[in-house]
Every structure is written in structure tokens, then in C-alpha cells.
Amino acid sequence: MSTPVQTALVGYGYAGKTFHAPLIRAAAGLALTTVVSSRPAEVQADLPGVTVCDFEAALADPAIELMVVATPNDLHAPQAIAALKAGKHVVIDKPFAITTAEAETVLAAARAANR
């Protein structure tokens, strides 16, 4: 059996709490280890034992392989780009970008990360 992918959920609002956290926890091969949130008490109450930190700390954690971005829409692209540049795999809640130009920037960052 392989080691589960160490996953950070970025954002613990409605989408993060209701959809992404349960899906990550249910997915074979993924381990929800970290949540980026400004409400650590709420996260700890719902997900005991999960690390709660800020975005920069999650980016810097070499154990985190995958970041699931579920923050407000205007943060999706900048956070995804930062995660890609940090060497993380990324899943972005919809919409993944606000404008076509922003989407193209995310795609360029993803292509650069896969070289």
C-alpha cells in the first residue's frame, strides 16, 4: 500500500468545510493533514489532530504535496500560482480564475511547474 498524499485544504468556509474536507478525508490515497484557516478553534473542533496554519506556513511545509484551494474566488489564482511555484500539486475550487488573463497565468504556472 502506498503512502497517502499529504493534503492541505486552503480555506475552511462553506465550500472547504462542507465539500472539500469530507471529500479529501473520504478519498483513498489522500490524507488531510493541514487546514489553512483564520478560525483554528472551529477547524480543531471539526477535525481534531489536523494542523491549522496560515497560507505561508503551508507553502513552506515540505510534507504537504497537494493543496486544495477553497478560498474566496479572487484568491484562487494567486494562491494556486504560489502553491505551484512552491512545488505543490493544486486543485482549485471553481471558478479557478476570475478573468481569462488570470486563467492563462495559472496555466502558465502549471506548465512551468511540470517541466
Protein backbone atom coordinates (compact mmCIF):
# COMPACT_ATOMS: atom_id res chain seq x y z
CA MET A 1 0.00 0.00 0.00
CA SER A 2 1.36 3.44 -0.89
CA THR A 3 1.71 6.40 1.42
CA PRO A 4 -1.28 8.77 1.24
CA VAL A 5 -0.76 12.15 -0.40
CA GLN A 6 -0.32 14.74 2.36
CA THR A 7 -3.00 17.32 1.62
CA ALA A 8 -3.65 20.87 2.82
CA LEU A 9 -7.08 22.43 2.50
CA VAL A 10 -6.76 26.18 1.95
CA GLY A 11 -9.93 27.78 3.28
CA TYR A 12 -12.48 26.48 5.75
CA GLY A 13 -15.55 28.43 4.73
CA TYR A 14 -18.68 26.83 3.33
CA ALA A 15 -17.02 25.06 0.38
CA GLY A 16 -14.00 23.91 2.39
CA LYS A 17 -15.97 22.66 5.36
CA THR A 18 -18.97 21.20 3.54
CA PHE A 19 -17.46 19.77 0.37
CA HIS A 20 -13.69 19.64 0.25
CA ALA A 21 -12.78 18.45 3.75
CA PRO A 22 -15.22 15.49 3.66
CA LEU A 23 -14.19 14.54 0.12
CA ILE A 24 -10.47 14.69 0.92
CA ARG A 25 -11.00 12.59 4.04
CA ALA A 26 -13.06 10.03 2.10
CA ALA A 27 -10.67 9.73 -0.85
CA ALA A 28 -8.42 6.71 -0.81
CA GLY A 29 -4.85 7.86 -1.17
CA LEU A 30 -5.30 11.31 0.38
CA ALA A 31 -4.61 12.40 3.96
CA LEU A 32 -6.00 15.74 5.17
CA THR A 33 -3.12 16.87 7.37
CA THR A 34 -3.41 20.65 7.30
CA VAL A 35 -6.09 23.33 7.05
CA VAL A 36 -5.31 26.95 6.30
CA SER A 37 -7.81 28.97 8.27
CA SER A 38 -8.16 32.06 10.44
CA ARG A 39 -10.53 30.07 12.69
CA PRO A 40 -8.35 27.34 14.25
CA ALA A 41 -10.81 26.53 17.06
CA GLU A 42 -13.56 25.69 14.56
CA VAL A 43 -11.24 23.51 12.49
CA GLN A 44 -9.92 21.69 15.57
CA ALA A 45 -13.48 21.10 16.83
CA ASP A 46 -14.44 19.53 13.49
CA LEU A 47 -11.12 17.87 12.61
CA PRO A 48 -9.17 17.03 15.78
CA GLY A 49 -5.49 16.49 15.17
CA VAL A 50 -5.33 18.39 11.89
CA THR A 51 -2.70 21.12 11.80
CA VAL A 52 -4.11 24.63 11.37
CA CYS A 53 -1.80 27.31 9.99
CA ASP A 54 -1.57 30.27 7.66
CA PHE A 55 -1.02 30.03 3.91
CA GLU A 56 2.71 30.82 4.03
CA ALA A 57 3.37 28.08 6.60
CA ALA A 58 1.51 25.55 4.45
CA LEU A 59 3.53 26.60 1.40
CA ALA A 60 6.77 26.16 3.33
CA ASP A 61 5.87 22.70 4.70
CA PRO A 62 7.79 20.14 2.62
CA ALA A 63 5.49 17.33 3.76
CA ILE A 64 2.47 18.89 2.01
CA GLU A 65 2.23 17.55 -1.54
CA LEU A 66 -1.24 18.76 -2.55
CA MET A 67 -3.07 21.99 -1.81
CA VAL A 68 -6.83 22.22 -2.37
CA VAL A 69 -7.73 25.90 -2.77
CA ALA A 70 -11.23 26.71 -1.47
CA THR A 71 -10.88 30.36 -0.54
CA PRO A 72 -12.84 33.33 -1.91
CA ASN A 73 -12.78 33.40 -5.72
CA ASP A 74 -10.42 36.37 -6.01
CA LEU A 75 -7.75 34.41 -4.11
CA HIS A 76 -7.92 31.23 -6.20
CA ALA A 77 -5.46 32.18 -8.92
CA PRO A 78 -2.82 33.93 -6.76
CA GLN A 79 -2.83 31.13 -4.20
CA ALA A 80 -2.71 28.43 -6.87
CA ILE A 81 0.22 30.13 -8.56
CA ALA A 82 2.08 30.46 -5.25
CA ALA A 83 1.45 26.78 -4.50
CA LEU A 84 2.64 25.70 -7.95
CA LYS A 85 5.79 27.79 -7.57
CA ALA A 86 6.35 26.10 -4.19
CA GLY A 87 6.31 22.71 -5.92
CA LYS A 88 2.85 21.62 -4.75
CA HIS A 89 0.15 19.90 -6.75
CA VAL A 90 -3.01 22.01 -6.81
CA VAL A 91 -6.76 21.53 -7.03
CA ILE A 92 -8.78 24.75 -7.27
CA ASP A 93 -12.45 25.21 -6.41
CA LYS A 94 -14.49 26.80 -9.16
CA PRO A 95 -14.05 29.24 -10.68
CA PHE A 96 -10.33 28.67 -10.84
CA ALA A 97 -9.78 32.26 -12.02
CA ILE A 98 -11.76 35.48 -12.30
CA THR A 99 -10.61 36.55 -15.78
CA THR A 100 -9.27 34.85 -18.87
CA ALA A 101 -5.92 36.59 -18.38
CA GLU A 102 -5.73 35.31 -14.82
CA ALA A 103 -6.62 31.79 -16.01
CA GLU A 104 -3.84 31.93 -18.57
CA THR A 105 -1.39 32.94 -15.82
CA VAL A 106 -2.43 29.93 -13.74
CA LEU A 107 -2.00 27.65 -16.76
CA ALA A 108 1.44 29.10 -17.45
CA ALA A 109 2.47 28.48 -13.84
CA ALA A 110 1.19 24.90 -14.05
CA ARG A 111 3.10 24.27 -17.27
CA ALA A 112 6.28 25.72 -15.77
CA ALA A 113 5.88 23.54 -12.68
CA ASN A 114 5.66 20.41 -14.84
CA ARG A 115 8.92 20.96 -16.72
